[in-house]
Protein backbone atom coordinates (compact mmCIF):
# COMPACT_ATOMS: atom_id res chain seq x y z
CA MET A 1 9.56 8.11 -116.84
CA GLU A 2 12.40 6.38 -118.40
CA VAL A 3 15.39 8.28 -119.26
CA LEU A 4 15.95 7.88 -123.07
CA ARG A 5 19.36 7.86 -124.75
CA VAL A 6 19.97 10.50 -127.53
CA ALA A 7 22.89 10.81 -129.54
CA PHE A 8 23.76 14.13 -131.27
CA VAL A 9 25.95 13.80 -134.39
CA PRO A 10 26.82 17.08 -136.23
CA ALA A 11 28.04 16.82 -139.76
CA LEU A 12 29.78 19.54 -141.94
CA ARG A 13 32.15 20.35 -144.63
CA THR A 14 35.15 22.48 -143.79
CA LEU A 15 35.05 24.31 -147.15
CA PHE A 16 32.35 26.30 -145.79
CA ARG A 17 33.11 29.47 -143.63
CA GLY A 18 30.41 28.45 -141.41
CA ALA A 19 32.05 25.29 -140.24
CA SER A 20 34.36 27.22 -138.05
CA LEU A 21 31.67 29.26 -136.23
CA GLY A 22 31.26 26.63 -133.55
CA LEU A 23 27.42 26.14 -134.33
CA GLU A 24 27.40 22.46 -133.63
CA GLY A 25 28.60 23.34 -129.97
CA GLU A 26 25.69 25.72 -129.62
CA MET A 27 23.19 23.04 -130.78
CA ALA A 28 24.68 20.45 -128.48
CA GLU A 29 24.58 22.90 -125.46
CA ALA A 30 20.79 23.61 -126.25
CA LEU A 31 20.04 19.96 -126.18
CA ARG A 32 21.99 19.44 -122.89
CA GLY A 33 20.18 22.31 -121.50
CA LEU A 34 16.73 20.38 -122.30
CA SER A 35 17.83 16.98 -121.18
CA HIS A 36 16.85 17.20 -117.52
CA ASN A 37 13.28 18.50 -118.13
CA LEU A 38 12.56 16.22 -121.32
CA ARG A 39 14.22 13.18 -119.54
CA PHE A 40 17.03 12.15 -121.74
CA ALA A 41 20.88 11.36 -121.47
CA LEU A 42 22.64 13.24 -124.45
CA THR A 43 25.81 11.86 -125.98
CA ALA A 44 27.50 14.63 -128.21
CA GLU A 45 29.90 13.25 -130.79
CA GLY A 46 32.41 15.31 -132.31
CA ALA A 47 31.84 16.82 -135.77
CA VAL A 48 31.72 14.25 -138.63
CA ARG A 49 33.83 15.90 -141.52
CA SER A 50 34.57 12.88 -143.72
CA VAL A 51 33.14 9.51 -144.99
CA GLU A 52 35.77 7.82 -142.41
CA ASP A 53 34.32 9.85 -139.54
CA ALA A 54 30.83 8.89 -140.47
CA LEU A 55 31.76 5.10 -140.65
CA GLY A 56 33.34 5.19 -137.30
CA VAL A 57 30.57 6.84 -135.60
CA ALA A 58 27.74 4.69 -137.41
CA HIS A 59 29.78 1.77 -136.53
CA ARG A 60 29.70 2.91 -132.79
CA LEU A 61 26.05 3.78 -132.73
CA ALA A 62 25.20 0.51 -134.28
CA HIS A 63 26.67 -1.07 -131.18
CA GLU A 64 25.31 1.37 -128.68
CA LYS A 65 21.74 1.57 -130.16
CA PRO A 66 20.69 4.96 -128.76
CA ASP A 67 16.85 5.66 -128.69
CA LEU A 68 17.21 8.57 -130.75
CA LEU A 69 19.67 9.83 -133.31
CA ILE A 70 19.76 13.65 -133.95
CA LEU A 71 21.88 14.55 -136.98
CA GLY A 72 23.14 18.04 -137.04
CA VAL A 73 23.35 19.46 -140.62
CA ILE A 74 25.70 22.36 -140.14
CA THR A 75 26.61 23.02 -143.44
CA PHE A 76 25.70 21.65 -146.87
CA ILE A 77 26.82 17.97 -146.75
CA THR A 78 26.47 15.25 -149.39
CA GLY A 79 25.04 11.70 -149.58
CA ASP A 80 28.40 9.89 -149.15
CA LEU A 81 28.98 11.36 -145.89
CA LEU A 82 25.41 11.21 -144.31
CA GLY A 83 24.78 7.64 -145.94
CA PRO A 84 26.32 5.38 -143.12
CA LEU A 85 24.23 7.41 -140.46
CA LEU A 86 21.03 7.55 -142.32
CA GLU A 87 21.38 3.60 -142.72
CA LEU A 88 21.30 3.14 -138.90
CA PRO A 89 17.81 1.37 -137.97
CA LEU A 90 17.06 4.18 -135.44
CA PRO A 91 14.67 7.07 -135.36
CA LYS A 92 16.34 9.94 -136.61
CA VAL A 93 15.75 13.86 -136.66
CA LEU A 94 17.72 16.02 -138.98
CA TRP A 95 18.37 19.58 -137.49
CA ALA A 96 19.74 22.30 -139.58
CA PRO A 97 20.50 25.84 -138.27
CA PRO A 98 19.61 29.03 -140.36
CA GLU A 99 22.48 31.04 -141.98
CA ALA A 100 24.77 32.76 -139.57
CA TRP A 101 24.51 35.99 -141.75
CA PHE A 102 23.00 37.38 -145.03
CA GLY A 103 24.92 39.00 -147.97
CA GLU A 104 28.46 38.10 -149.47
CA ALA A 105 29.55 34.67 -149.31
CA LEU A 106 27.02 31.98 -148.14
CA PRO A 107 28.42 30.75 -144.76
CA GLN A 108 26.74 27.28 -144.33
CA ASN A 109 24.10 26.63 -147.08
CA ALA A 110 22.64 24.37 -144.31
CA LEU A 111 18.97 24.54 -145.49
CA CYS A 112 20.18 23.20 -149.00
CA GLY A 113 21.84 20.56 -147.03
CA LEU A 114 18.77 19.58 -145.07
CA SER A 115 16.88 19.52 -148.54
CA LEU A 116 19.47 17.24 -149.99
CA ALA A 117 19.59 14.89 -147.07
CA CYS A 118 15.84 14.32 -146.87
CA SER A 119 15.83 13.58 -150.45
CA LEU A 120 18.57 10.94 -150.24
CA PRO A 121 17.27 7.29 -150.94
CA LYS A 122 18.92 6.07 -147.89
CA ALA A 123 16.92 8.68 -145.80
CA GLN A 124 13.97 6.52 -145.79
CA PRO A 125 10.80 7.74 -143.82
CA PRO A 126 9.96 8.12 -141.00
CA LEU A 127 12.29 11.13 -140.81
CA ARG A 128 11.75 14.33 -138.60
CA TRP A 129 13.39 17.50 -139.75
CA LEU A 130 13.97 20.83 -137.56
CA TYR A 131 15.17 23.96 -139.06
CA GLY A 132 16.01 26.69 -136.73
CA PRO A 133 18.65 28.16 -134.22
CA PRO A 134 19.69 26.69 -130.93
CA LYS A 135 16.98 28.26 -128.89
CA GLU A 136 16.13 25.83 -125.88
CA GLY A 137 12.54 26.75 -125.68
CA GLU A 138 11.72 26.38 -129.52
CA VAL A 139 13.91 23.23 -129.95
CA GLY A 140 12.23 21.60 -126.76
CA ARG A 141 8.73 22.44 -128.04
CA PHE A 142 9.39 20.67 -131.31
CA LEU A 143 11.50 17.79 -129.90
CA GLU A 144 8.95 16.80 -126.91
CA PRO A 145 6.41 15.05 -128.87
CA THR A 146 9.04 13.07 -130.50
CA LEU A 147 10.73 11.96 -127.27
CA ARG A 148 7.23 10.95 -126.13
CA ALA A 149 6.61 8.91 -129.27
CA VAL A 150 9.96 7.27 -129.14
CA ARG A 151 9.26 6.17 -125.63
CA ALA A 152 6.15 4.58 -126.65
CA LEU A 153 7.61 3.05 -129.52
CA LYS A 154 9.91 1.16 -127.17
CA VAL A 155 6.88 -0.12 -125.40
CA LEU A 156 5.25 -1.31 -128.83
CA ARG A 157 8.49 -3.27 -129.44
CA GLY A 158 9.36 -4.43 -125.72
CA ALA A 159 6.20 -4.57 -123.65
CA ARG A 160 5.73 -7.62 -121.62
CA LEU A 161 2.13 -8.71 -121.77
CA LEU A 162 0.11 -11.32 -119.44
CA TRP A 163 -3.03 -12.72 -121.11
CA ILE A 164 -5.19 -14.63 -118.67
CA GLY A 165 -7.80 -16.87 -120.29
CA GLY A 166 -7.97 -15.17 -123.58
CA PRO A 167 -10.63 -12.91 -124.94
CA ALA A 168 -14.24 -13.05 -123.78
CA PRO A 169 -16.56 -15.34 -125.61
CA GLY A 170 -17.58 -14.15 -129.03
CA PHE A 171 -15.12 -11.23 -128.94
CA ASP A 172 -13.12 -12.69 -132.05
CA ALA A 173 -11.30 -9.46 -132.68
CA PHE A 174 -9.67 -9.65 -129.35
CA TRP A 175 -7.51 -12.70 -130.58
CA GLU A 176 -5.22 -10.34 -132.35
CA ARG A 177 -1.48 -10.40 -131.22
CA PRO A 178 0.98 -7.62 -131.42
CA THR A 179 3.15 -7.47 -134.61
CA THR A 180 5.44 -4.92 -133.31
CA GLY A 181 7.74 -6.96 -130.94
CA ALA A 182 5.75 -6.93 -127.57
CA SER A 183 5.73 -10.39 -126.11
CA VAL A 184 2.77 -12.20 -124.75
CA GLU A 185 2.65 -14.84 -122.02
CA ALA A 186 -0.85 -16.52 -122.15
CA ILE A 187 -2.02 -18.57 -119.29
CA PRO A 188 -5.42 -20.37 -118.55
CA LEU A 189 -7.87 -18.97 -116.08
CA GLU A 190 -7.26 -22.19 -113.93
CA GLU A 191 -3.78 -20.65 -112.99
CA LEU A 192 -5.50 -17.66 -111.44
CA PHE A 193 -8.29 -19.77 -109.83
CA ALA A 194 -5.63 -21.99 -108.19
CA LEU A 195 -3.53 -18.88 -106.82
CA TYR A 196 -6.93 -17.41 -105.74
CA GLU A 197 -7.28 -20.22 -103.13
CA THR A 198 -3.77 -19.70 -101.79
CA VAL A 199 -3.89 -15.98 -101.00
CA PRO A 200 -3.36 -15.83 -97.37
CA GLU A 201 -6.20 -14.27 -95.00
CA ASP A 202 -3.76 -11.75 -93.51
CA ARG A 203 -3.09 -10.07 -96.86
CA VAL A 204 -6.76 -9.99 -97.70
CA ARG A 205 -7.27 -8.20 -94.35
CA GLU A 206 -4.66 -5.75 -95.14
CA VAL A 207 -6.28 -4.71 -98.51
CA LEU A 208 -9.67 -4.42 -96.53
CA GLU A 209 -8.08 -1.98 -94.15
CA VAL A 210 -7.05 0.31 -96.96
CA TRP A 211 -10.42 -0.31 -99.05
CA PRO A 212 -13.31 0.59 -96.92
CA GLU A 213 -15.61 0.64 -99.95
CA VAL A 214 -15.02 -3.14 -100.41
CA ARG A 215 -14.80 -3.91 -96.84
CA ALA A 216 -18.49 -2.82 -96.39
CA LEU A 217 -19.43 -5.43 -98.86
CA GLY A 218 -18.84 -8.42 -96.62
CA LYS A 219 -17.96 -11.87 -97.88
CA GLU A 220 -18.12 -10.48 -101.49
CA GLY A 221 -15.86 -7.65 -100.76
CA GLN A 222 -13.33 -10.25 -99.26
CA LYS A 223 -13.61 -12.10 -102.69
CA LEU A 224 -12.73 -8.98 -104.53
CA ALA A 225 -9.87 -8.24 -102.33
CA ARG A 226 -8.51 -11.90 -102.84
CA LEU A 227 -8.95 -11.81 -106.53
CA ALA A 228 -7.18 -8.61 -106.52
CA LEU A 229 -4.16 -9.98 -104.93
CA ALA A 230 -3.85 -13.04 -107.11
CA LEU A 231 -3.96 -10.90 -110.04
CA GLN A 232 -1.47 -8.63 -108.47
CA ASP A 233 0.96 -11.64 -107.87
CA LEU A 234 0.45 -12.87 -111.42
CA ALA A 235 1.34 -9.65 -113.00
CA ARG A 236 4.79 -9.32 -111.45
CA GLY A 237 7.31 -9.01 -113.96
CA TYR A 238 4.80 -7.89 -116.75
CA ASP A 239 3.85 -4.31 -117.90
CA GLY A 240 0.29 -5.11 -117.55
CA LEU A 241 -2.46 -7.93 -117.75
CA ALA A 242 -5.60 -8.58 -119.94
CA LEU A 243 -8.14 -10.80 -118.26
CA ARG A 244 -11.13 -12.58 -119.42
CA ASP A 245 -13.15 -11.45 -116.49
CA TRP A 246 -16.30 -13.07 -117.73
CA PRO A 247 -18.33 -15.51 -117.66
CA GLU A 248 -16.24 -18.00 -115.56
CA ILE A 249 -15.30 -15.67 -112.87
CA PRO A 250 -18.82 -14.47 -112.08
CA GLU A 251 -20.00 -18.05 -112.28
CA ARG A 252 -17.35 -19.57 -110.05
CA LEU A 253 -16.85 -16.95 -107.50
CA GLY A 254 -20.16 -15.22 -107.51
CA ILE A 255 -18.47 -11.67 -107.95
CA ILE A 256 -17.99 -9.36 -110.91
CA PRO A 257 -14.22 -8.55 -111.16
CA SER A 258 -14.43 -5.02 -112.35
CA ALA A 259 -13.97 -3.48 -108.73
CA SER A 260 -10.95 -5.62 -108.42
CA LEU A 261 -9.41 -4.31 -111.68
CA ALA A 262 -10.22 -0.73 -110.76
CA TYR A 263 -8.40 -1.29 -107.52
CA LEU A 264 -5.46 -2.48 -109.21
CA GLY A 265 -5.69 0.54 -111.57
CA ASP A 266 -5.63 2.77 -108.25
CA LEU A 267 -2.28 1.00 -107.53
CA GLY A 268 -0.78 1.89 -110.98
CA LEU A 269 -1.27 -1.60 -112.59
CA VAL A 270 -2.36 -1.21 -116.08
CA VAL A 271 -5.20 -3.88 -116.89
CA ALA A 272 -7.62 -4.63 -119.54
CA PRO A 273 -10.99 -6.35 -119.23
CA GLU A 274 -12.59 -8.97 -121.45
CA GLY A 275 -9.21 -10.41 -122.56
CA ASP A 276 -8.54 -7.38 -124.95
CA LEU A 277 -4.73 -7.80 -125.45
CA MET A 278 -4.34 -5.19 -127.95
CA GLY A 279 -6.43 -2.84 -125.94
CA LEU A 280 -3.93 -3.57 -123.15
CA LEU A 281 -1.10 -2.83 -125.53
CA SER A 282 -2.82 0.34 -126.49
CA GLN A 283 -3.10 1.45 -122.85
CA LEU A 284 0.50 0.73 -122.16
CA VAL A 285 1.31 2.99 -125.33
CA LEU A 286 -0.65 5.75 -124.06
CA LYS A 287 0.89 5.67 -120.53
CA ALA A 288 4.40 5.94 -122.30
CA LEU A 289 3.23 8.73 -124.30
CA GLY A 290 2.52 10.58 -121.07
CA GLY A 291 -1.10 9.74 -120.36
CA ARG A 292 -2.25 9.36 -117.03
CA ASP A 293 -4.13 5.93 -115.92
CA PRO A 294 -5.31 4.74 -119.22
CA ILE A 295 -8.53 2.86 -119.26
CA LEU A 296 -10.67 1.12 -121.92
CA VAL A 297 -14.12 2.51 -123.03
CA ASP A 298 -16.69 1.69 -125.65
CA ILE A 299 -18.30 4.21 -127.77
CA VAL A 300 -22.13 3.87 -126.94
CA ALA A 301 -23.90 6.79 -128.19
CA ALA A 302 -23.20 9.45 -130.97
CA GLU A 303 -24.62 12.95 -131.21
CA GLU A 304 -23.69 15.71 -133.58
CA GLU A 305 -21.19 17.39 -131.50
CA ALA A 306 -20.34 14.50 -128.89
CA LEU A 307 -19.57 10.79 -128.32
CA LEU A 308 -20.66 8.97 -124.93
CA LEU A 309 -17.97 6.81 -123.86
CA TRP A 310 -18.64 4.05 -121.14
CA HIS A 311 -17.50 0.93 -119.59
CA GLY A 312 -18.45 -1.44 -116.79
CA GLY A 313 -16.57 0.06 -113.82
CA GLU A 314 -12.96 -0.78 -113.85
CA ALA A 315 -11.62 2.92 -113.94
CA PRO A 316 -9.26 4.09 -111.35
CA LEU A 317 -10.46 6.89 -108.84
CA SER A 318 -8.11 9.38 -110.65
CA TRP A 319 -10.78 9.43 -113.27
CA ALA A 320 -13.57 10.46 -110.84
CA GLY A 321 -15.26 13.58 -111.58
CA GLY A 322 -17.42 13.48 -108.46
CA GLU A 323 -18.73 10.59 -105.93
CA ALA A 324 -17.39 7.29 -106.80
CA ARG A 325 -19.23 4.12 -105.42
CA LEU A 326 -19.30 0.23 -105.84
CA ILE A 327 -22.62 -0.99 -106.93
CA PRO A 328 -23.98 -4.25 -108.29
CA HIS A 329 -23.55 -5.06 -111.86
CA PHE A 330 -26.37 -3.50 -113.74
CA ASN A 331 -27.27 -6.72 -115.64
CA ARG A 332 -26.10 -9.64 -113.61
CA GLY A 333 -26.74 -8.13 -110.03
CA LEU A 334 -23.42 -9.35 -108.69
CA LEU A 335 -20.97 -7.17 -106.78
CA ALA A 336 -19.11 -5.10 -107.72
CA VAL A 337 -18.69 -2.34 -110.50
CA ARG A 338 -17.36 1.40 -109.75
CA ASP A 339 -19.93 3.84 -110.80
CA MET A 340 -18.74 7.43 -111.26
CA VAL A 341 -18.64 9.96 -113.87
CA LEU A 342 -15.24 10.45 -115.87
CA ARG A 343 -13.64 13.82 -114.85
CA ALA A 344 -13.73 16.87 -117.11
CA GLY A 345 -10.63 17.52 -119.11
CA PRO A 346 -8.58 16.76 -122.29
CA VAL A 347 -8.07 13.12 -123.11
CA THR A 348 -6.49 11.04 -125.90
CA GLY A 349 -8.00 7.91 -127.37
CA LEU A 350 -5.78 5.28 -129.01
CA ARG A 351 -6.22 1.89 -130.58
CA VAL A 352 -3.19 0.03 -131.93
CA THR A 353 -3.88 -2.50 -134.53
CA SER A 354 -1.86 -4.28 -137.04
CA ARG A 355 -3.51 -2.14 -139.71
CA GLY A 356 -2.73 1.02 -138.10
CA LEU A 357 -3.37 3.31 -135.22
CA VAL A 358 -6.54 5.18 -134.51
CA VAL A 359 -5.91 8.44 -132.67
CA LEU A 360 -8.78 10.42 -131.03
CA GLU A 361 -8.58 13.70 -129.07
CA GLY A 362 -11.30 15.65 -127.22
CA GLN A 363 -12.62 17.10 -124.06
CA LEU A 364 -14.70 15.36 -121.52
CA ASP A 365 -17.38 17.66 -120.28
CA GLY A 366 -17.84 16.01 -116.85
CA LYS A 367 -21.31 14.62 -117.42
CA GLY A 368 -22.05 11.09 -117.29
CA GLY A 369 -24.70 8.72 -119.17
CA TYR A 370 -24.96 5.41 -117.57
CA LEU A 371 -24.27 3.19 -114.66
CA GLY A 372 -20.54 2.44 -114.75
CA VAL A 373 -17.99 4.87 -115.87
CA SER A 374 -19.00 7.17 -118.38
CA GLY A 375 -18.52 10.68 -119.95
CA TRP A 376 -19.39 12.84 -122.91
CA LEU A 377 -16.56 13.75 -125.44
CA ARG A 378 -16.55 16.93 -127.24
CA GLY A 379 -14.43 18.71 -129.61
CA VAL A 380 -13.42 15.34 -131.39
CA ARG A 381 -10.46 15.16 -133.48
CA TRP A 382 -9.66 12.04 -135.49
CA ALA A 383 -5.97 11.78 -136.54
CA GLY A 384 -5.62 15.55 -135.66
CA LYS A 385 -8.63 16.74 -137.84
CA ARG A 386 -11.89 18.11 -136.12
CA VAL A 387 -14.85 15.90 -136.78
CA THR A 388 -18.51 15.82 -135.44
CA GLY A 389 -19.64 12.99 -133.50
CA ARG A 390 -21.33 11.42 -136.43
CA GLU A 391 -18.29 11.71 -138.58
CA CYS A 392 -16.33 10.18 -135.93
CA LEU A 393 -18.78 7.20 -135.68
CA SER A 394 -18.47 6.93 -139.50
CA HIS A 395 -14.85 6.65 -139.26
CA TRP A 396 -14.81 4.29 -136.37
CA LEU A 397 -17.33 1.73 -137.87
CA GLY A 398 -15.59 2.21 -141.36
CA CYS A 399 -12.23 1.00 -140.06
CA ARG A 400 -13.74 -1.97 -138.34
CA VAL A 401 -11.93 -1.30 -135.21
CA PRO A 402 -12.34 -3.78 -132.22
CA HIS A 403 -14.78 -1.98 -130.07
CA HIS A 404 -12.53 -0.91 -127.14
CA LEU A 405 -10.87 2.53 -127.26
CA ALA A 406 -7.97 2.99 -124.90
CA LEU A 407 -8.27 6.68 -123.16
CA ALA A 408 -5.89 8.57 -121.09
CA GLN A 409 -5.83 11.98 -119.42
CA GLY A 410 -3.92 14.61 -121.40
CA ASN A 411 -3.40 16.07 -124.77
CA LEU A 412 -1.24 13.44 -126.48
CA GLY A 413 -2.43 13.56 -130.00
CA GLY A 414 0.68 15.19 -131.59
CA ALA A 415 2.97 12.55 -130.03
CA ALA A 416 0.48 9.79 -130.97
CA LEU A 417 0.57 10.66 -134.63
CA GLU A 418 4.52 10.82 -134.46
CA LEU A 419 4.15 7.19 -133.02
CA ALA A 420 2.15 6.17 -136.02
CA LEU A 421 4.92 7.43 -138.33
CA TRP A 422 8.16 5.95 -136.11
CA SER A 423 6.28 2.55 -135.88
CA GLY A 424 5.67 2.33 -139.48
CA LEU A 425 1.98 1.36 -138.60
CA GLY A 426 0.55 4.58 -139.99
CA VAL A 427 -3.01 6.04 -139.15
CA MET A 428 -6.00 3.87 -139.71
CA ARG A 429 -7.53 4.74 -142.77
CA ARG A 430 -11.40 3.84 -143.67
CA GLU A 431 -11.65 0.46 -145.38
CA ASP A 432 -13.82 -0.18 -148.33
CA GLY A 433 -17.06 -2.09 -148.23
CA VAL A 434 -18.01 -0.86 -144.71
CA TRP A 435 -20.60 2.11 -144.82
CA GLY A 436 -23.86 3.32 -143.29
CA GLY A 437 -25.95 6.14 -142.24
CA TYR A 438 -26.87 7.86 -138.82
CA TRP A 439 -30.04 9.70 -137.93
CA GLN A 440 -32.17 10.92 -134.93
């Protein structure tokens, strides 16, 4: 996990008695104590006491560009002092400590300072606030999802995506490209086919040695191993790849690439079938949020209390809730797809679009549905709100979401919702003009 750069800048007015209590030092020490476990490097600035101080610190931070700025509102402060810091184009958290004592002279008036700061025109959302003493455990609990979201924000803005062949035929929604800064290198399938022919036999044998399932498939297994190596070579220097895995590859090579993609997933490479570029970005974002081995799934059935998730056999073995095997494709009859039930446990679903983010959460129950990889999702939440399977289906179709959902292991919903704010994309809302009904 990448180490983030966090800057802590306390601001105070010396007029208040609380300015001399050293609260900013205690706050910096709490952050420093969290830095190892939460994987960030802390730069603690001296207290900002004047507009000149603020301008100097803001100039330096504009050059250094930390990943997150934590502004300590130690006492009541005014907009002229905070303005240069609030204008920085960085994710910001405003943290104010409670009053040092009650009775007689007000020591800090920090909460009022926090209120003023959040109301300033320069304090444009997104903006996170914290109000509490410098207790490591509590600060860490509130700060952890923010740090996860900031990591994912960097992926949204800086991921390098390889797009091989464009989307599968007729999957027109998959032509969407990122609008957040992620870069795309698009290459034709012919480059993959040319590289496939040049993969040395000794490298194919090495893969077959460590992948006994595919070794047992004979010539088709050799083709699957060769294809995996060619894709692995093409993916070097990129964060992940989206592949148009049909119809050309089955027609020309006589294999279904799903098993090759599953093997690459076993190695930790993030891959998206059917040329789903934004699905790939959604997977990478989930991984940055802390999700394990993200995959793409379809929603193929809805019941009152559950959704059935499924796809054609590209998931890594870390998802296996039992036996995993390679079988012929259920429609084409060609080898090979991975068949297994998705393991039980908490999961988070995400879809990044230029219109907003879809954030789903729930619990896989360890039961499957169809050949390929599948599992029933229960306890479904849409954007943090508990919904039935039918309600979720209504939201999904009403929002006109491209049909793949990125799915990762773990409870990441809070961090994903923060990402929706930090990125400016927001949470996907149901669009007018698309509605329907459901019955059994």
